N, C-alpha and C. Protein backbone atom coordinates (compact mmCIF):
# COMPACT_ATOMS: atom_id res chain seq x y z
N MET A 1 156.96 76.29 177.90
CA MET A 1 156.59 75.41 176.91
C MET A 1 156.67 76.09 175.71
N ASP A 2 158.09 75.94 174.75
CA ASP A 2 158.23 76.78 174.01
C ASP A 2 157.59 76.49 172.50
N ARG A 3 156.27 77.69 172.08
CA ARG A 3 156.11 77.08 171.09
C ARG A 3 156.64 77.78 169.57
N LYS A 4 156.55 76.47 168.80
CA LYS A 4 157.30 76.54 167.24
C LYS A 4 155.73 76.98 166.27
N THR A 5 156.31 77.57 165.69
CA THR A 5 155.62 78.14 164.37
C THR A 5 155.67 77.18 163.23
N ARG A 6 154.73 77.11 162.71
CA ARG A 6 155.04 75.72 161.77
C ARG A 6 154.47 76.62 160.37
N LYS A 7 155.86 76.56 159.69
CA LYS A 7 155.25 77.44 158.16
C LYS A 7 154.67 76.51 156.89
N ILE A 8 153.92 76.70 156.54
CA ILE A 8 153.19 75.55 155.70
C ILE A 8 153.13 76.09 154.20
N THR A 9 153.87 75.89 153.04
CA THR A 9 153.68 76.13 151.89
C THR A 9 152.95 75.63 150.87
N LEU A 10 152.10 75.93 150.32
CA LEU A 10 151.35 75.55 149.53
C LEU A 10 151.96 75.69 148.16
N SER A 11 151.98 74.47 147.76
CA SER A 11 152.27 74.43 146.11
C SER A 11 151.25 74.16 145.03
N VAL A 12 151.05 75.17 144.03
CA VAL A 12 149.53 75.04 143.64
C VAL A 12 150.19 75.16 141.62
N SER A 13 149.77 74.35 140.95
CA SER A 13 150.40 74.25 139.35
C SER A 13 149.63 75.30 138.65
N PRO A 14 150.36 75.13 137.72
CA PRO A 14 149.54 76.78 136.69
C PRO A 14 148.54 76.13 136.05
N ALA A 15 148.17 74.50 135.96
CA ALA A 15 147.28 73.91 135.33
C ALA A 15 145.67 74.08 136.46
N VAL A 16 146.30 73.83 137.29
CA VAL A 16 145.07 74.75 138.67
C VAL A 16 144.61 75.90 138.40
N ILE A 17 145.71 76.89 138.21
CA ILE A 17 145.74 78.80 138.19
C ILE A 17 144.85 78.62 137.05
N LEU A 18 145.13 78.24 135.64
CA LEU A 18 144.30 78.36 134.32
C LEU A 18 142.83 77.88 134.53
N LEU A 19 142.45 76.83 135.13
CA LEU A 19 141.13 76.74 135.08
C LEU A 19 140.54 77.48 136.20
N ALA A 20 141.17 77.59 137.17
CA ALA A 20 140.62 78.62 138.14
C ALA A 20 140.13 79.72 137.19
N VAL A 21 140.71 80.67 136.17
CA VAL A 21 140.57 81.77 135.74
C VAL A 21 139.44 81.37 134.66
N LEU A 22 139.48 80.36 134.21
CA LEU A 22 138.59 80.27 132.88
C LEU A 22 137.11 79.88 133.87
N ILE A 23 136.91 79.44 135.00
CA ILE A 23 135.70 79.07 135.86
C ILE A 23 135.69 80.97 136.23
N LEU A 24 136.60 81.81 136.42
CA LEU A 24 135.81 82.64 136.88
C LEU A 24 135.64 83.95 135.74
N CYS A 25 136.01 83.50 134.33
CA CYS A 25 135.61 84.00 133.40
C CYS A 25 134.33 84.01 133.04
N GLY A 26 134.03 82.38 133.26
CA GLY A 26 132.68 81.98 132.69
C GLY A 26 131.71 82.74 133.72
N ILE A 27 131.88 82.68 134.78
CA ILE A 27 130.97 83.25 135.86
C ILE A 27 130.55 84.81 135.69
N LEU A 28 131.60 86.11 135.15
CA LEU A 28 131.38 86.83 135.30
C LEU A 28 131.09 87.69 133.68
N PHE A 29 131.39 86.66 132.70
CA PHE A 29 130.88 87.10 131.02
C PHE A 29 129.56 86.42 130.78
N ILE A 30 129.53 85.05 131.18
CA ILE A 30 128.64 84.26 130.06
C ILE A 30 127.28 85.19 130.73
N PRO A 31 126.76 86.02 132.00
CA PRO A 31 125.74 86.51 132.09
C PRO A 31 125.55 87.40 131.08
N SER A 32 126.59 88.31 131.15
CA SER A 32 126.32 89.43 130.61
C SER A 32 126.19 89.27 129.38
N ARG A 33 126.84 88.42 128.61
CA ARG A 33 126.54 88.10 127.11
C ARG A 33 125.13 87.95 126.79
N PHE A 34 124.76 86.76 127.73
CA PHE A 34 123.40 86.49 127.95
C PHE A 34 122.16 88.06 127.83
N ARG A 35 122.51 88.56 128.75
CA ARG A 35 121.78 90.04 128.75
C ARG A 35 121.68 90.77 127.54
N ARG A 36 123.14 91.00 126.73
CA ARG A 36 122.99 91.73 125.67
C ARG A 36 122.27 91.02 124.35
N GLU A 37 122.46 89.43 124.57
CA GLU A 37 121.55 88.80 122.85
C GLU A 37 120.47 89.21 123.55
N LYS A 38 119.68 89.11 124.99
CA LYS A 38 118.40 89.31 124.87
C LYS A 38 117.62 90.51 124.62
N ARG A 39 118.68 91.95 125.13
CA ARG A 39 118.49 92.99 124.55
C ARG A 39 117.90 92.81 123.20
N SER A 40 118.82 92.48 122.31
CA SER A 40 118.99 92.68 120.59
C SER A 40 118.12 91.64 120.34
N LEU A 41 116.79 91.04 121.14
CA LEU A 41 115.90 90.50 120.34
C LEU A 41 114.71 91.00 119.83
N THR A 42 114.37 90.69 118.67
CA THR A 42 113.30 91.70 117.96
C THR A 42 111.94 91.05 117.53
N ILE A 43 111.19 91.79 117.65
CA ILE A 43 109.85 91.06 117.55
C ILE A 43 109.34 91.27 116.01
N ASP A 44 108.74 90.74 115.38
CA ASP A 44 108.37 90.99 114.04
C ASP A 44 106.97 90.97 113.92
N ASP A 45 106.63 92.46 113.70
CA ASP A 45 105.05 92.80 113.79
C ASP A 45 104.47 92.51 112.33
N THR A 46 105.11 92.20 111.52
CA THR A 46 104.28 91.86 110.40
C THR A 46 102.99 90.86 109.99
N PRO A 47 102.78 89.91 111.33
CA PRO A 47 101.63 89.44 111.41
C PRO A 47 100.49 90.27 111.94
N VAL A 48 100.92 90.98 113.07
CA VAL A 48 99.72 91.63 113.33
C VAL A 48 99.01 92.65 112.28
N VAL A 49 100.23 93.40 111.77
CA VAL A 49 99.89 94.55 111.10
C VAL A 49 99.03 93.78 109.68
N VAL A 50 99.14 92.78 109.16
CA VAL A 50 98.28 92.15 108.35
C VAL A 50 97.06 91.55 108.44
N THR A 51 97.11 91.14 109.54
CA THR A 51 95.73 90.90 110.20
C THR A 51 94.97 92.16 110.70
N ARG A 52 95.45 93.50 111.06
CA ARG A 52 95.05 94.32 111.14
C ARG A 52 94.41 94.87 109.98
N ILE A 53 95.18 95.06 108.88
CA ILE A 53 94.75 95.47 107.36
C ILE A 53 93.45 94.64 107.12
N GLN A 54 93.69 93.16 107.25
CA GLN A 54 92.87 92.14 106.18
C GLN A 54 91.15 92.31 106.94
N SER A 55 91.31 92.77 108.24
CA SER A 55 90.17 92.85 108.77
C SER A 55 89.09 93.61 108.07
N LEU A 56 89.90 94.77 107.37
CA LEU A 56 88.86 95.67 106.85
C LEU A 56 88.15 94.99 105.61
N GLY A 57 88.27 93.67 105.33
CA GLY A 57 88.05 92.98 104.20
C GLY A 57 87.89 93.54 103.18
N GLU A 58 86.90 93.65 102.31
CA GLU A 58 86.28 93.87 100.70
C GLU A 58 86.12 95.35 101.14
N LEU A 59 87.08 96.03 100.82
CA LEU A 59 86.81 97.49 100.90
C LEU A 59 86.36 98.28 99.50
N THR A 60 85.21 98.79 99.66
CA THR A 60 84.78 100.05 98.59
C THR A 60 85.16 101.07 99.20
N THR A 61 85.64 101.73 98.14
CA THR A 61 85.78 103.08 98.34
C THR A 61 86.10 103.69 97.05
N ALA A 62 84.97 103.58 95.90
CA ALA A 62 84.54 104.54 95.26
C ALA A 62 83.47 103.55 94.57
N CYS A 63 82.34 104.63 93.94
CA CYS A 63 81.52 104.07 93.61
C CYS A 63 80.89 105.27 92.20
N PHE A 64 80.59 104.69 90.98
CA PHE A 64 80.20 105.65 89.79
C PHE A 64 78.75 105.15 89.65
N TYR A 65 77.88 106.47 89.14
CA TYR A 65 76.84 106.22 88.74
C TYR A 65 76.59 106.99 87.46
N ASP A 66 75.61 106.27 86.66
CA ASP A 66 75.67 107.13 85.28
C ASP A 66 74.69 106.55 84.64
N GLU A 67 73.85 107.44 83.94
CA GLU A 67 72.68 107.36 83.27
C GLU A 67 73.18 106.97 81.95
N ILE A 68 72.56 106.04 80.97
CA ILE A 68 73.17 105.43 79.65
C ILE A 68 72.23 105.56 78.53
N VAL A 69 72.36 106.08 77.30
CA VAL A 69 71.40 105.98 76.38
C VAL A 69 71.86 104.94 75.38
N LEU A 70 70.59 104.11 75.05
CA LEU A 70 71.22 103.13 74.24
C LEU A 70 69.84 103.00 72.92
N THR A 71 70.67 102.94 71.69
CA THR A 71 69.90 103.02 70.59
C THR A 71 69.82 102.02 69.97
N ARG A 72 69.34 101.49 68.99
CA ARG A 72 68.98 100.54 68.37
C ARG A 72 68.34 100.52 67.36
N SER A 73 68.46 100.26 65.63
CA SER A 73 67.69 100.47 64.40
C SER A 73 67.41 99.19 63.72
N LYS A 74 66.66 98.68 63.10
CA LYS A 74 66.56 97.74 62.42
C LYS A 74 65.30 98.07 61.11
N GLN A 75 65.61 97.33 59.96
CA GLN A 75 64.88 97.57 58.93
C GLN A 75 63.30 96.98 59.41
N ASN A 76 62.26 97.24 58.33
CA ASN A 76 60.79 96.36 58.60
C ASN A 76 60.79 95.99 57.41
N THR A 77 59.61 95.13 57.23
CA THR A 77 59.37 95.34 55.78
C THR A 77 58.94 96.33 54.90
N LEU A 78 58.54 97.46 55.48
CA LEU A 78 58.13 98.59 54.37
C LEU A 78 59.67 98.95 54.41
N SER A 79 60.43 99.41 55.15
CA SER A 79 61.69 100.01 55.20
C SER A 79 62.66 99.32 53.79
N SER A 80 62.45 98.00 53.85
CA SER A 80 63.41 97.25 52.83
C SER A 80 62.48 96.98 51.74
N SER A 81 61.36 97.31 51.67
CA SER A 81 60.97 97.63 50.16
C SER A 81 61.08 98.82 49.47
N PRO A 82 60.67 98.49 48.27
CA PRO A 82 60.94 100.03 47.34
C PRO A 82 60.54 101.27 47.42
N LEU A 83 59.54 101.15 48.33
CA LEU A 83 58.58 102.13 48.53
C LEU A 83 59.54 102.90 49.94
N GLY A 84 59.81 101.95 50.64
CA GLY A 84 60.63 102.33 51.91
C GLY A 84 62.04 102.82 51.32
N SER A 85 62.72 102.25 50.26
CA SER A 85 63.72 103.13 49.52
C SER A 85 63.45 104.35 48.99
N LEU A 86 62.64 104.22 48.32
CA LEU A 86 62.08 105.67 47.74
C LEU A 86 62.10 106.88 48.93
N ALA A 87 61.12 106.44 50.15
CA ALA A 87 60.80 107.10 51.14
C ALA A 87 62.33 107.81 51.58
N ARG A 88 63.14 107.07 51.62
CA ARG A 88 64.39 107.14 52.36
C ARG A 88 65.53 108.02 51.78
N ASP A 89 65.65 107.52 50.75
CA ASP A 89 66.34 108.21 49.31
C ASP A 89 66.11 109.20 48.61
N GLY A 90 64.64 109.43 48.62
CA GLY A 90 64.11 110.37 47.67
C GLY A 90 63.42 111.86 48.51
N PHE A 91 63.22 111.24 49.85
CA PHE A 91 62.50 112.37 50.63
C PHE A 91 63.15 112.46 52.12
N GLY A 92 64.07 111.70 52.47
CA GLY A 92 64.77 111.78 53.55
C GLY A 92 64.12 110.86 54.53
N LYS A 93 63.30 110.21 55.03
CA LYS A 93 62.28 109.96 55.78
C LYS A 93 63.16 108.41 55.86
N ASP A 94 62.93 108.06 57.46
CA ASP A 94 63.55 107.21 57.85
C ASP A 94 62.35 106.39 58.31
N MET A 95 62.26 105.03 57.79
CA MET A 95 61.11 104.08 57.67
C MET A 95 61.84 103.21 59.04
N ASP A 96 62.88 102.67 59.39
CA ASP A 96 63.23 101.44 60.44
C ASP A 96 62.64 102.01 61.43
N ASP A 97 62.71 100.62 61.79
CA ASP A 97 62.00 100.33 63.65
C ASP A 97 63.39 101.22 64.24
N HIS A 98 63.10 101.57 65.66
CA HIS A 98 63.72 101.87 66.23
C HIS A 98 63.39 101.99 67.94
N LEU A 99 64.44 101.59 68.89
CA LEU A 99 64.61 101.33 70.06
C LEU A 99 65.35 102.30 71.14
N VAL A 100 64.90 102.98 71.67
CA VAL A 100 65.45 103.79 72.76
C VAL A 100 65.40 103.18 73.88
N ILE A 101 66.65 103.29 74.82
CA ILE A 101 66.68 102.67 76.23
C ILE A 101 67.59 103.69 76.93
N ILE A 102 67.04 103.92 78.26
CA ILE A 102 67.85 104.76 79.31
C ILE A 102 68.09 103.97 80.20
N ALA A 103 69.12 103.44 80.62
CA ALA A 103 69.58 102.71 81.79
C ALA A 103 70.28 103.45 82.55
N LYS A 104 70.14 103.10 84.23
CA LYS A 104 70.91 103.66 85.08
C LYS A 104 71.31 102.22 86.19
N GLY A 105 72.59 102.78 86.21
CA GLY A 105 73.92 101.98 86.83
C GLY A 105 74.42 102.32 87.70
N THR A 106 75.48 101.51 87.97
CA THR A 106 76.16 101.31 89.70
C THR A 106 77.79 100.37 89.57
N VAL A 107 78.90 101.03 89.36
CA VAL A 107 79.67 100.26 89.54
C VAL A 107 80.39 100.56 90.91
N ARG A 108 80.63 99.29 91.69
CA ARG A 108 81.49 99.48 93.19
C ARG A 108 82.61 98.87 92.93
N ALA A 109 83.60 99.71 93.14
CA ALA A 109 85.40 99.59 93.12
C ALA A 109 85.95 99.65 94.44
N GLY A 110 86.82 98.61 94.56
CA GLY A 110 87.84 98.89 95.65
C GLY A 110 88.70 97.84 95.50
N VAL A 111 89.41 97.46 97.05
CA VAL A 111 90.47 96.23 97.07
C VAL A 111 90.22 95.63 97.97
N ASP A 112 90.23 94.23 97.47
CA ASP A 112 90.01 93.17 98.42
C ASP A 112 91.07 92.98 99.56
N LEU A 113 91.06 93.57 100.70
CA LEU A 113 92.62 93.51 101.67
C LEU A 113 92.68 92.06 101.99
N MET A 114 91.93 91.08 101.90
CA MET A 114 91.90 89.78 102.54
C MET A 114 92.84 88.94 101.66
N GLU A 115 93.34 89.79 100.49
CA GLU A 115 94.36 88.85 99.74
C GLU A 115 95.48 89.33 100.03
N MET A 116 95.72 90.11 100.80
CA MET A 116 97.02 90.33 101.68
C MET A 116 97.81 89.16 102.00
N LYS A 117 99.27 89.32 102.08
CA LYS A 117 99.96 88.32 102.90
C LYS A 117 101.06 88.81 103.12
N PRO A 118 101.64 88.12 104.05
CA PRO A 118 102.78 88.86 105.15
C PRO A 118 103.97 89.68 104.10
N GLU A 119 104.28 88.89 103.13
CA GLU A 119 105.46 89.45 102.36
C GLU A 119 105.02 90.68 101.47
N ASP A 120 103.44 91.49 101.84
CA ASP A 120 102.86 92.39 101.01
C ASP A 120 103.59 93.61 102.14
N ILE A 121 104.10 93.38 103.31
CA ILE A 121 104.23 94.55 104.10
C ILE A 121 106.12 94.01 104.72
N ARG A 122 106.45 95.45 104.84
CA ARG A 122 107.63 95.00 104.99
C ARG A 122 108.11 96.11 106.23
N PHE A 123 109.15 96.11 106.93
CA PHE A 123 109.52 97.32 108.00
C PHE A 123 110.74 97.61 107.15
N SER A 124 111.28 99.16 107.39
CA SER A 124 112.46 99.72 106.96
C SER A 124 112.87 101.06 107.74
N GLY A 125 113.21 100.39 108.69
CA GLY A 125 113.90 101.69 110.00
C GLY A 125 112.43 102.07 110.69
N ASP A 126 111.70 103.03 110.74
CA ASP A 126 110.73 103.40 110.96
C ASP A 126 109.54 103.59 110.20
N THR A 127 109.79 103.26 109.03
CA THR A 127 108.75 103.07 108.24
C THR A 127 107.79 101.77 107.87
N VAL A 128 106.65 101.61 107.47
CA VAL A 128 106.01 100.46 107.10
C VAL A 128 106.13 100.64 105.84
N VAL A 129 106.31 99.67 104.79
CA VAL A 129 106.16 99.67 103.53
C VAL A 129 105.00 98.63 102.89
N ILE A 130 104.11 99.31 102.17
CA ILE A 130 102.68 98.28 102.10
C ILE A 130 102.79 98.25 100.48
N ARG A 131 102.14 96.77 100.31
CA ARG A 131 102.34 96.66 98.72
C ARG A 131 100.35 95.95 98.78
N LEU A 132 99.56 96.87 98.17
CA LEU A 132 98.58 96.84 98.38
C LEU A 132 98.18 95.40 97.03
N PRO A 133 96.86 95.17 97.42
CA PRO A 133 95.97 94.67 96.03
C PRO A 133 95.67 95.80 95.10
N SER A 134 95.60 94.88 93.94
CA SER A 134 95.39 95.64 92.61
C SER A 134 93.88 96.24 92.72
N PRO A 135 93.39 97.72 92.58
CA PRO A 135 91.75 97.70 92.62
C PRO A 135 91.02 96.74 91.25
N GLN A 136 89.74 96.54 92.06
CA GLN A 136 89.06 96.31 90.82
C GLN A 136 87.30 96.58 91.02
N TYR A 137 86.65 95.73 90.06
CA TYR A 137 85.40 96.56 90.44
C TYR A 137 84.70 95.25 90.90
N LEU A 138 84.41 95.80 92.13
CA LEU A 138 83.51 94.67 93.04
C LEU A 138 82.11 94.29 92.61
N ASP A 139 81.34 94.84 91.97
CA ASP A 139 80.05 94.97 91.70
C ASP A 139 79.64 95.93 90.50
N ILE A 140 79.28 95.61 89.69
CA ILE A 140 78.27 96.16 88.49
C ILE A 140 76.91 95.87 88.44
N ILE A 141 76.12 97.10 88.82
CA ILE A 141 74.08 96.79 89.31
C ILE A 141 74.03 97.69 88.24
N VAL A 142 73.18 96.72 87.10
CA VAL A 142 72.34 97.23 86.42
C VAL A 142 70.95 96.51 86.33
N ASN A 143 70.20 96.93 87.31
CA ASN A 143 68.98 96.26 87.51
C ASN A 143 68.12 96.46 86.08
N PRO A 144 66.70 95.34 85.81
CA PRO A 144 65.99 95.20 85.26
C PRO A 144 65.13 96.89 85.13
N SER A 145 64.85 96.73 86.63
CA SER A 145 63.66 97.93 87.20
C SER A 145 64.75 99.69 86.84
N ASP A 146 65.84 99.42 86.58
CA ASP A 146 66.55 100.78 86.04
C ASP A 146 66.84 101.36 84.69
N PHE A 147 65.62 100.16 83.86
CA PHE A 147 66.01 100.59 82.50
C PHE A 147 64.53 101.46 82.36
N GLU A 148 64.64 102.35 80.95
CA GLU A 148 63.31 103.06 80.93
C GLU A 148 63.43 103.49 79.18
N VAL A 149 62.15 102.52 78.70
CA VAL A 149 62.21 102.66 77.61
C VAL A 149 61.80 104.49 76.58
N PHE A 150 62.69 104.85 76.14
CA PHE A 150 62.44 106.33 76.08
C PHE A 150 61.80 106.27 74.91
N ALA A 151 62.09 105.81 73.55
CA ALA A 151 61.43 106.01 72.45
C ALA A 151 61.42 104.26 72.06
N GLU A 152 60.60 103.75 70.96
CA GLU A 152 60.11 102.34 70.72
C GLU A 152 58.78 102.87 69.32
N SER A 153 59.36 102.00 68.27
CA SER A 153 58.58 102.21 67.01
C SER A 153 59.14 100.91 66.78
N GLY A 154 57.97 100.03 65.99
CA GLY A 154 57.82 98.61 65.34
C GLY A 154 57.86 97.44 66.75
N LYS A 155 58.52 96.72 66.02
CA LYS A 155 58.12 95.23 67.13
C LYS A 155 59.54 95.01 67.46
N TRP A 156 59.72 94.83 68.94
CA TRP A 156 61.23 94.17 69.27
C TRP A 156 60.82 93.31 70.08
N SER A 157 61.61 92.29 70.00
CA SER A 157 61.34 90.91 71.03
C SER A 157 62.15 90.80 72.09
N HIS A 158 61.52 89.73 73.01
CA HIS A 158 62.61 90.07 73.94
C HIS A 158 63.77 89.69 74.14
N ALA A 159 64.37 88.91 73.32
CA ALA A 159 65.93 88.83 73.14
C ALA A 159 66.13 89.70 72.48
N GLU A 160 65.98 90.53 71.81
CA GLU A 160 66.29 91.97 71.28
C GLU A 160 66.65 93.00 72.29
N THR A 161 65.45 92.89 73.26
CA THR A 161 65.62 93.90 74.24
C THR A 161 66.53 93.34 75.34
N THR A 162 66.53 92.18 75.54
CA THR A 162 67.56 91.89 76.06
C THR A 162 69.02 92.31 75.94
N GLU A 163 69.18 91.92 74.55
CA GLU A 163 70.63 91.75 74.21
C GLU A 163 70.99 93.37 74.26
N LEU A 164 70.11 94.25 74.35
CA LEU A 164 70.43 96.19 74.05
C LEU A 164 70.62 96.28 75.62
N GLN A 165 69.62 95.81 76.82
CA GLN A 165 70.33 95.61 77.80
C GLN A 165 71.69 95.03 78.58
N ASP A 166 71.89 93.91 77.86
CA ASP A 166 73.04 93.60 78.39
C ASP A 166 73.98 94.41 77.87
N SER A 167 74.20 95.22 77.18
CA SER A 167 75.47 96.09 76.79
C SER A 167 75.41 97.15 77.34
N ALA A 168 74.22 97.19 77.84
CA ALA A 168 74.32 98.35 78.85
C ALA A 168 75.63 98.20 80.00
N ARG A 169 75.72 96.83 80.81
CA ARG A 169 76.39 96.78 81.51
C ARG A 169 77.99 96.95 80.67
N ARG A 170 78.09 96.49 79.95
CA ARG A 170 79.84 96.97 78.74
C ARG A 170 79.57 98.39 78.98
N ARG A 171 78.94 99.22 78.35
CA ARG A 171 79.19 100.38 78.37
C ARG A 171 78.96 101.17 79.75
N LEU A 172 78.71 100.85 80.80
CA LEU A 172 78.90 101.62 82.06
C LEU A 172 80.43 101.04 82.76
N ILE A 173 81.06 99.95 82.04
CA ILE A 173 82.27 99.59 82.59
C ILE A 173 83.23 100.46 81.76
N MET A 174 82.69 100.76 80.58
CA MET A 174 83.86 101.63 79.47
C MET A 174 83.93 103.36 80.38
N GLU A 175 82.81 103.34 80.76
CA GLU A 175 82.24 104.90 80.85
C GLU A 175 83.32 104.91 82.64
N ALA A 176 82.93 103.84 83.54
CA ALA A 176 84.11 104.25 84.56
C ALA A 176 85.51 103.93 84.37
N ASP A 177 85.93 103.19 83.02
CA ASP A 177 87.38 103.27 83.38
C ASP A 177 87.89 104.58 82.90
N HIS A 178 86.96 105.34 81.81
CA HIS A 178 87.03 106.66 81.47
C HIS A 178 87.43 107.46 82.70
N ALA A 179 86.29 107.34 83.88
CA ALA A 179 86.33 108.41 84.56
C ALA A 179 87.26 108.23 85.69
N GLY A 180 88.17 106.83 85.67
CA GLY A 180 89.31 107.05 86.20
C GLY A 180 88.90 106.04 87.59
N LEU A 181 87.80 105.29 88.00
CA LEU A 181 87.31 104.69 89.02
C LEU A 181 88.46 103.99 89.66
N LYS A 182 88.95 103.27 88.91
CA LYS A 182 90.40 102.29 89.77
C LYS A 182 91.09 102.88 90.43
N THR A 183 91.52 104.09 89.63
CA THR A 183 92.58 105.07 90.17
C THR A 183 92.19 105.47 92.04
N LYS A 184 91.01 106.02 91.54
CA LYS A 184 90.01 106.83 93.16
C LYS A 184 90.04 105.61 94.01
N ALA A 185 89.48 104.35 93.43
CA ALA A 185 89.75 103.11 94.23
C ALA A 185 90.53 102.75 95.00
N TYR A 186 91.75 103.25 94.40
CA TYR A 186 92.97 102.89 95.00
C TYR A 186 93.54 103.51 96.07
N GLU A 187 93.14 104.97 95.81
CA GLU A 187 93.69 106.02 96.52
C GLU A 187 92.65 106.26 97.97
N GLY A 188 91.82 105.90 97.84
CA GLY A 188 90.70 105.40 98.86
C GLY A 188 91.00 104.02 99.74
N ALA A 189 91.77 103.05 99.13
CA ALA A 189 92.20 102.16 100.04
C ALA A 189 93.64 102.60 100.93
N MET A 190 94.29 103.77 99.96
CA MET A 190 95.54 104.29 100.29
C MET A 190 95.38 104.69 101.94
N GLU A 191 94.29 105.48 101.77
CA GLU A 191 93.83 106.34 102.89
C GLU A 191 93.28 105.91 103.92
N ALA A 192 92.35 104.52 103.90
CA ALA A 192 92.03 104.07 104.96
C ALA A 192 92.93 103.27 105.61
N VAL A 193 93.88 102.22 104.66
CA VAL A 193 94.91 101.93 105.42
C VAL A 193 95.88 102.81 106.32
N THR A 194 96.33 104.07 105.92
CA THR A 194 97.13 104.83 106.62
C THR A 194 96.09 104.93 107.88
N ASP A 195 95.11 105.52 107.26
CA ASP A 195 94.23 106.16 108.99
C ASP A 195 93.95 104.48 110.04
N LEU A 196 94.28 103.76 109.54
CA LEU A 196 94.18 102.23 110.48
C LEU A 196 95.35 102.43 111.04
N LEU A 197 96.65 102.11 110.43
CA LEU A 197 97.92 102.11 110.72
C LEU A 197 98.52 103.12 111.68
N THR A 198 97.88 104.46 111.28
CA THR A 198 98.25 105.99 112.16
C THR A 198 97.53 105.56 113.36
N ALA A 199 96.16 105.19 113.24
CA ALA A 199 95.66 104.96 114.84
C ALA A 199 96.60 104.07 115.57
N SER A 200 97.28 102.98 114.94
CA SER A 200 97.82 101.61 115.78
C SER A 200 98.92 102.18 116.06
N GLY A 201 99.64 103.67 116.07
CA GLY A 201 100.57 103.87 116.46
C GLY A 201 101.92 104.37 115.15
N TYR A 202 101.85 103.78 114.11
CA TYR A 202 102.87 103.93 113.46
C TYR A 202 102.45 105.08 112.64
N THR A 203 104.00 105.92 112.29
CA THR A 203 104.25 106.91 112.23
C THR A 203 104.54 107.01 110.60
N TYR A 204 105.15 106.19 110.06
CA TYR A 204 105.75 106.62 108.59
C TYR A 204 105.34 105.35 107.94
N ILE A 205 104.11 105.44 106.67
CA ILE A 205 103.62 104.74 105.79
C ILE A 205 103.88 105.13 104.42
N ARG A 206 104.57 103.89 103.60
CA ARG A 206 104.71 104.16 102.54
C ARG A 206 104.22 102.84 101.55
N TYR A 207 103.74 103.35 100.30
CA TYR A 207 103.35 102.37 99.32
C TYR A 207 104.49 102.27 98.45
N ASP A 208 104.33 100.98 97.92
CA ASP A 208 104.74 100.71 96.73
C ASP A 208 104.24 99.64 95.48
N HIS A 209 105.00 99.25 94.63
CA HIS A 209 104.31 98.49 93.78
C HIS A 209 103.03 98.65 93.28
N ILE A 210 103.01 100.26 93.21
CA ILE A 210 101.77 100.74 92.80
C ILE A 210 101.55 100.26 91.42
N PRO A 211 100.39 100.10 90.50
CA PRO A 211 99.97 99.56 89.41
C PRO A 211 100.21 100.59 88.72
N SER A 212 100.49 100.41 87.22
CA SER A 212 101.25 101.55 86.17
C SER A 212 100.16 102.25 85.97
N TYR A 213 98.96 101.69 85.70
CA TYR A 213 97.89 102.92 85.16
C TYR A 213 97.29 103.82 86.42
N ILE A 214 97.60 103.43 87.64
CA ILE A 214 97.49 104.14 89.08
C ILE A 214 98.53 105.28 89.03
N LYS A 215 97.50 106.56 88.89
CA LYS A 215 98.57 107.90 88.95
C LYS A 215 98.05 108.83 90.13
N LEU A 216 98.86 108.47 91.18
CA LEU A 216 98.73 109.67 92.50
C LEU A 216 99.50 110.21 92.61
N PRO A 217 100.07 111.56 92.40
CA PRO A 217 101.30 112.18 92.94
C PRO A 217 100.76 112.78 94.32
N ARG A 218 99.83 112.07 95.15
CA ARG A 218 100.17 112.60 96.36
C ARG A 218 100.79 111.10 97.36
N PHE A 219 101.25 110.23 96.27
CA PHE A 219 101.17 108.54 97.52
C PHE A 219 102.33 108.12 96.11
N GLY A 220 103.08 107.06 96.98
CA GLY A 220 103.74 106.44 96.26
C GLY A 220 105.09 107.40 96.07
N ASP A 221 106.19 106.41 94.91
CA ASP A 221 107.56 106.92 94.49
C ASP A 221 107.86 106.01 93.18
């Protein structure tokens, strides 16, 4: 029995070939693209950094102690009389009443890191750039027990004594300003935050938007 070989010819249209190529490309390239996009995904560390810094809370970084001498004088009945004027002008005698008080006080300065917001931290390459809150006087302590009457002549009312004691608080603030306490407080806050972030694995830390009255040669630019 003769065997006849049958030759079968398949005719495939160009549209079918194009569809097959598109499907193959989709299978080969879509997963690769997806993997590339997944690798380029970045995580924003800003909320984590802010939370870590805020955990320090109200940070006291500088304290100022001082003793302030406060004096008040006033005329009395004798010093305002003709005899008192004669004693003062003719003999150089001071007939007024005097009160001298020595006040001991403390000023606590620092920054409230709870005020920091996410926009106060940004990342520039491998550097963390931070804007700290402005330094402030967190507490001014002048207790009544810290007042000492050094000299007193004549009679002084409670209101007059209290007014003199109140001025001690204003003088204490002026002395703290003169000593540059806020600058010291800001510098201390920078050091504390730097230590915290360094311990957390950050290598380069920079500070910007430093208040103009803060002069820190070691920090900022």
